[in-house]
Amino acid sequence: MLPELLQTTNLFHLLYRIDIDLAEQQRKGGCPFCGGALHYSTYQRKPRGGPALPDDLYRRLSFCCANEKCRRRTLPASTLFMDRRVYFRAVILIVTTLSQTKPQKYSKNILSRMFGADRKTINRWLKYFQDIFPRSKLWKAIRGRLSSTVPNHHQPGSLVEYFLLHNQSLENAIINCLRLLATGLQTV
């Protein structure tokens, strides 16, 4: 069920539209360093794990300050990309969730073959969600807004389960979970 969602282009188109909205909100707010106007300065990414997509969806939205004394670069929140990681954020979320919960016998070997992610890479993702994410500022900021049934030590599996219970469709659950992870804002 979850792996099939990653093979549809519709999910990635929706996530890109969310990224455009998030970028526009940040652009209107101005440079976070000096308050100057922001100009688009997008760049191409080569993310792994998703289906073949149009070239537009491989662009990371980015800004550069227009103020000559500042000229700093800033990145808006993204539901498509997770920091500098090579894989799409949705792929990381779903692979780690399946690796934790192991429905229908999804072993790391099977997940590795399905998404082209090395077992060591999957282990790094799991370590991030088990050790680093629960101590992050983002998790501390959103922790109080979630049900106590979402434990710190079982991330991101318990977070995905929470969204699956509170959304009409699988696609909406994953989108809302990704939006929360990207922005810290809950939509459920």
Protein backbone atom coordinates (compact mmCIF):
# COMPACT_ATOMS: atom_id res chain seq x y z
CA MET A 1 0.00 0.00 0.00
CA LEU A 2 2.64 2.58 1.01
CA PRO A 3 5.25 1.52 -1.60
CA GLU A 4 2.68 1.82 -4.39
CA LEU A 5 2.01 5.41 -3.36
CA LEU A 6 5.63 6.28 -4.18
CA GLN A 7 5.18 5.04 -7.73
CA THR A 8 2.45 7.57 -8.52
CA THR A 9 3.45 10.94 -9.90
CA ASN A 10 0.38 12.59 -8.38
CA LEU A 11 1.90 12.54 -4.87
CA PHE A 12 5.06 14.29 -6.06
CA HIS A 13 3.09 16.89 -8.02
CA LEU A 14 1.06 17.71 -4.90
CA LEU A 15 4.19 17.95 -2.77
CA TYR A 16 5.79 20.29 -5.32
CA ARG A 17 2.72 22.53 -5.26
CA ILE A 18 2.97 22.67 -1.46
CA ASP A 19 6.66 23.59 -1.80
CA ILE A 20 5.75 26.42 -4.18
CA ASP A 21 3.24 27.77 -1.64
CA LEU A 22 5.79 27.51 1.20
CA ALA A 23 8.41 29.26 -0.91
CA GLU A 24 6.03 32.08 -1.84
CA GLN A 25 5.18 32.65 1.83
CA GLN A 26 8.89 32.92 2.65
CA ARG A 27 9.57 35.20 -0.33
CA LYS A 28 6.85 37.60 0.81
CA GLY A 29 8.39 37.67 4.29
CA GLY A 30 11.74 38.84 2.95
CA CYS A 31 15.28 37.89 3.83
CA PRO A 32 15.48 36.30 7.31
CA PHE A 33 18.88 37.95 7.84
CA CYS A 34 18.35 41.57 6.75
CA GLY A 35 14.70 41.86 5.67
CA GLY A 36 15.62 42.59 2.04
CA ALA A 37 13.71 41.31 -0.98
CA LEU A 38 14.28 37.72 -2.02
CA HIS A 39 14.89 36.58 -5.59
CA TYR A 40 14.37 33.02 -6.81
CA SER A 41 17.59 31.09 -7.24
CA THR A 42 16.44 27.53 -7.84
CA TYR A 43 18.77 24.68 -8.64
CA GLN A 44 18.44 21.16 -10.02
CA ARG A 45 18.52 18.13 -7.76
CA LYS A 46 18.87 14.49 -8.73
CA PRO A 47 16.79 12.78 -6.05
CA ARG A 48 16.41 9.02 -5.97
CA GLY A 49 13.62 6.66 -5.12
CA GLY A 50 10.61 8.13 -6.91
CA PRO A 51 9.06 7.51 -10.32
CA ALA A 52 10.19 9.29 -13.48
CA LEU A 53 8.99 12.87 -13.05
CA PRO A 54 9.00 16.06 -15.12
CA ASP A 55 12.18 18.15 -14.79
CA ASP A 56 10.32 20.87 -12.85
CA LEU A 57 9.88 18.54 -9.91
CA TYR A 58 13.63 18.03 -9.59
CA ARG A 59 14.20 21.72 -8.85
CA ARG A 60 14.93 22.80 -5.29
CA LEU A 61 13.34 26.16 -4.65
CA SER A 62 15.85 28.57 -3.19
CA PHE A 63 16.29 32.31 -2.66
CA CYS A 64 19.06 34.86 -2.74
CA CYS A 65 18.80 38.21 -0.96
CA ALA A 66 18.62 41.26 -3.26
CA ASN A 67 20.47 43.47 -0.76
CA GLU A 68 24.04 43.93 -2.05
CA LYS A 69 25.45 43.95 1.50
CA CYS A 70 23.69 40.70 2.40
CA ARG A 71 23.28 38.46 -0.71
CA ARG A 72 22.74 35.46 1.58
CA ARG A 73 21.06 32.36 0.31
CA THR A 74 18.05 30.85 2.08
CA LEU A 75 16.02 27.71 1.55
CA PRO A 76 12.28 27.55 2.18
CA ALA A 77 10.78 24.52 3.89
CA SER A 78 10.29 21.58 1.53
CA THR A 79 7.99 18.59 1.58
CA LEU A 80 9.81 17.09 -1.43
CA PHE A 81 13.41 17.28 -0.25
CA MET A 82 14.90 16.52 3.16
CA ASP A 83 17.88 18.78 3.67
CA ARG A 84 20.86 17.56 1.64
CA ARG A 85 19.78 13.94 1.51
CA VAL A 86 19.75 12.40 -1.96
CA TYR A 87 16.38 10.63 -1.68
CA PHE A 88 12.96 12.27 -1.74
CA ARG A 89 11.59 13.00 1.75
CA ALA A 90 8.56 10.77 1.04
CA VAL A 91 10.83 7.83 0.18
CA ILE A 92 12.81 8.25 3.40
CA LEU A 93 9.60 8.47 5.44
CA ILE A 94 7.94 5.43 3.89
CA VAL A 95 11.04 3.21 3.77
CA THR A 96 11.87 3.87 7.43
CA THR A 97 8.25 3.33 8.43
CA LEU A 98 8.09 0.01 6.56
CA SER A 99 11.43 -1.03 7.99
CA GLN A 100 10.19 -0.35 11.52
CA THR A 101 6.73 -1.87 11.27
CA LYS A 102 7.58 -4.66 8.78
CA PRO A 103 4.09 -5.18 7.32
CA GLN A 104 3.90 -7.95 4.71
CA LYS A 105 7.50 -8.92 5.48
CA TYR A 106 9.22 -5.80 4.12
CA SER A 107 12.79 -6.57 5.10
CA LYS A 108 15.65 -4.15 4.54
CA ASN A 109 16.79 -6.30 1.61
CA ILE A 110 13.40 -6.04 -0.10
CA LEU A 111 13.19 -2.29 0.57
CA SER A 112 16.73 -1.85 -0.70
CA ARG A 113 15.85 -3.56 -3.98
CA MET A 114 12.53 -1.70 -4.33
CA PHE A 115 13.93 1.82 -3.89
CA GLY A 116 17.61 1.43 -4.74
CA ALA A 117 18.70 2.47 -1.25
CA ASP A 118 21.61 0.58 0.23
CA ARG A 119 20.97 -1.23 3.53
CA LYS A 120 23.54 1.03 5.21
CA THR A 121 21.60 4.06 3.99
CA ILE A 122 18.36 2.66 5.41
CA ASN A 123 20.15 2.00 8.71
CA ARG A 124 21.37 5.64 8.77
CA TRP A 125 17.81 6.86 8.21
CA LEU A 126 16.55 4.65 11.04
CA LYS A 127 19.35 5.88 13.32
CA TYR A 128 18.43 9.48 12.49
CA PHE A 129 14.78 8.93 13.43
CA GLN A 130 15.64 6.93 16.55
CA ASP A 131 18.48 9.03 17.96
CA ILE A 132 18.64 12.50 16.40
CA PHE A 133 15.07 13.40 15.44
CA PRO A 134 13.53 12.89 18.94
CA ARG A 135 16.04 15.43 20.33
CA SER A 136 15.63 17.95 17.49
CA LYS A 137 14.09 21.41 17.88
CA LEU A 138 11.45 20.47 15.31
CA TRP A 139 10.25 17.43 17.24
CA LYS A 140 10.25 19.36 20.53
CA ALA A 141 8.19 22.11 18.89
CA ILE A 142 5.52 19.74 17.55
CA ARG A 143 5.55 17.09 20.28
CA GLY A 144 3.02 18.85 22.50
CA ARG A 145 0.52 19.21 19.68
CA LEU A 146 0.33 15.49 19.02
CA SER A 147 -1.46 12.73 20.87
CA SER A 148 0.44 10.94 23.62
CA THR A 149 -0.05 7.75 21.56
CA VAL A 150 2.82 8.94 19.32
CA PRO A 151 5.91 7.84 21.27
CA ASN A 152 9.29 9.51 20.81
CA HIS A 153 11.22 6.28 20.44
CA HIS A 154 9.25 4.83 17.51
CA GLN A 155 9.67 7.51 14.84
CA PRO A 156 8.60 7.92 12.09
CA GLY A 157 6.39 4.81 12.21
CA SER A 158 4.15 5.99 15.03
CA LEU A 159 3.83 9.43 13.41
CA VAL A 160 2.73 7.89 10.11
CA GLU A 161 0.25 5.63 11.95
CA TYR A 162 -1.18 8.70 13.70
CA PHE A 163 -1.77 10.45 10.37
CA LEU A 164 -3.23 7.30 8.80
CA LEU A 165 -5.82 7.19 11.59
CA HIS A 166 -6.73 10.88 11.23
CA ASN A 167 -6.98 11.27 7.44
CA GLN A 168 -9.47 10.14 4.82
CA SER A 169 -6.89 8.74 2.40
CA LEU A 170 -3.41 7.31 2.42
CA GLU A 171 -2.19 10.12 0.16
CA ASN A 172 -3.55 12.84 2.49
CA ALA A 173 -2.01 11.11 5.50
CA ILE A 174 1.46 11.05 3.94
CA ILE A 175 1.16 14.63 2.63
CA ASN A 176 0.07 15.96 6.04
CA CYS A 177 2.85 14.01 7.78
CA LEU A 178 5.43 15.38 5.33
CA ARG A 179 4.09 18.91 5.79
CA LEU A 180 4.43 18.54 9.56
CA LEU A 181 7.99 17.27 9.23
CA ALA A 182 8.90 20.10 6.84
CA THR A 183 7.25 23.02 8.60
CA GLY A 184 6.25 21.96 12.10
CA LEU A 185 2.66 22.94 11.32
CA GLN A 186 -0.03 20.36 11.91
CA THR A 187 -3.02 20.24 9.57
CA VAL A 188 -4.98 17.38 11.16
